[in-house]
């Protein structure tokens, strides 16, 4: 069965498909909430891609081959991103790690609210409820993954505050790997089905971001990983209903014909990272006016990092 790739940054849907800005001066200068925000602050230095493989009744069961080949694809995605960073003179070292129990069991069983990821995220009650369903699922999986690391024995971190399970896992991983930048990616095995991949809370400052990936394509994995660090979709989607939004995406796809955020389904070695995406992930300090006016608008003054 032919797979159809769909990737969405759901937080954009919640805010009416608009980019979130934060005012940084009284002169009307705004910072796009993509760099130095949430857990995945900037795609530089030491970064961790932490994978959790999830089994459920209605997705394919993870075999040893499936896990190994998916990890191989994730490593190819990492190698490609690091090579792109090197071309820009950016110091970047991405470590790939994954959850496993002390007995070397890798997948965690985690049933979603509905049969599929798409049905869970887009229920009849609306996407706001869908995000709550998926967050609960992600927290449940994170709680199970955290058990593999045993209790936190540090006395200096004992407080009465009870963070969410996703926050607890990320805090432990940041402590283990000694880095602020930990990208949490859940993998579900939909290797022969029509299903989406998604990144959530990528512009949020209230709950940690994470991604759910359905395929083992290096391009798809790199695409979702870069969402976690602030990159935006640059392809046409069903949510681009307004003419202005469609015009922006048409411009991006024409201007950046090999952009990873526009064409993730292609072979990854044929792709690159556009100046627009480089700005969003913190690889460039300022955005060229040509791209700012077309992709953001003339009225917004964008901050220089």
Foldseek 3Di string as FASTA:
>chain_A
DDEDEAEDAVVCVVVLNAFDWDDDDPVQATAGLQACAFQAHFQADEAEEEEAEEDEDQFDDDDPVNVVLLVVLQVVLVVLVCVQCVVLVGHHDYHYYYFAAPVRHGHDYFYFPDNALVCLCQPPVGNVNSVVRVVVRVLVSLQVSVVRVPDDPDPVPDDPDDDGSVVVSLVVVCVVVVHSHYAYEYETAHAPDHHYKYWYCLSPRPDHIYIYDHHSHSLRSSLNSLSNSFAHALADDPSQPDPLSVQLSVCSCVVQVQDSSHCSVDRSVSHHHDQVSCCSNVSAQDGDPVSCCNNPRDSHHYHGD
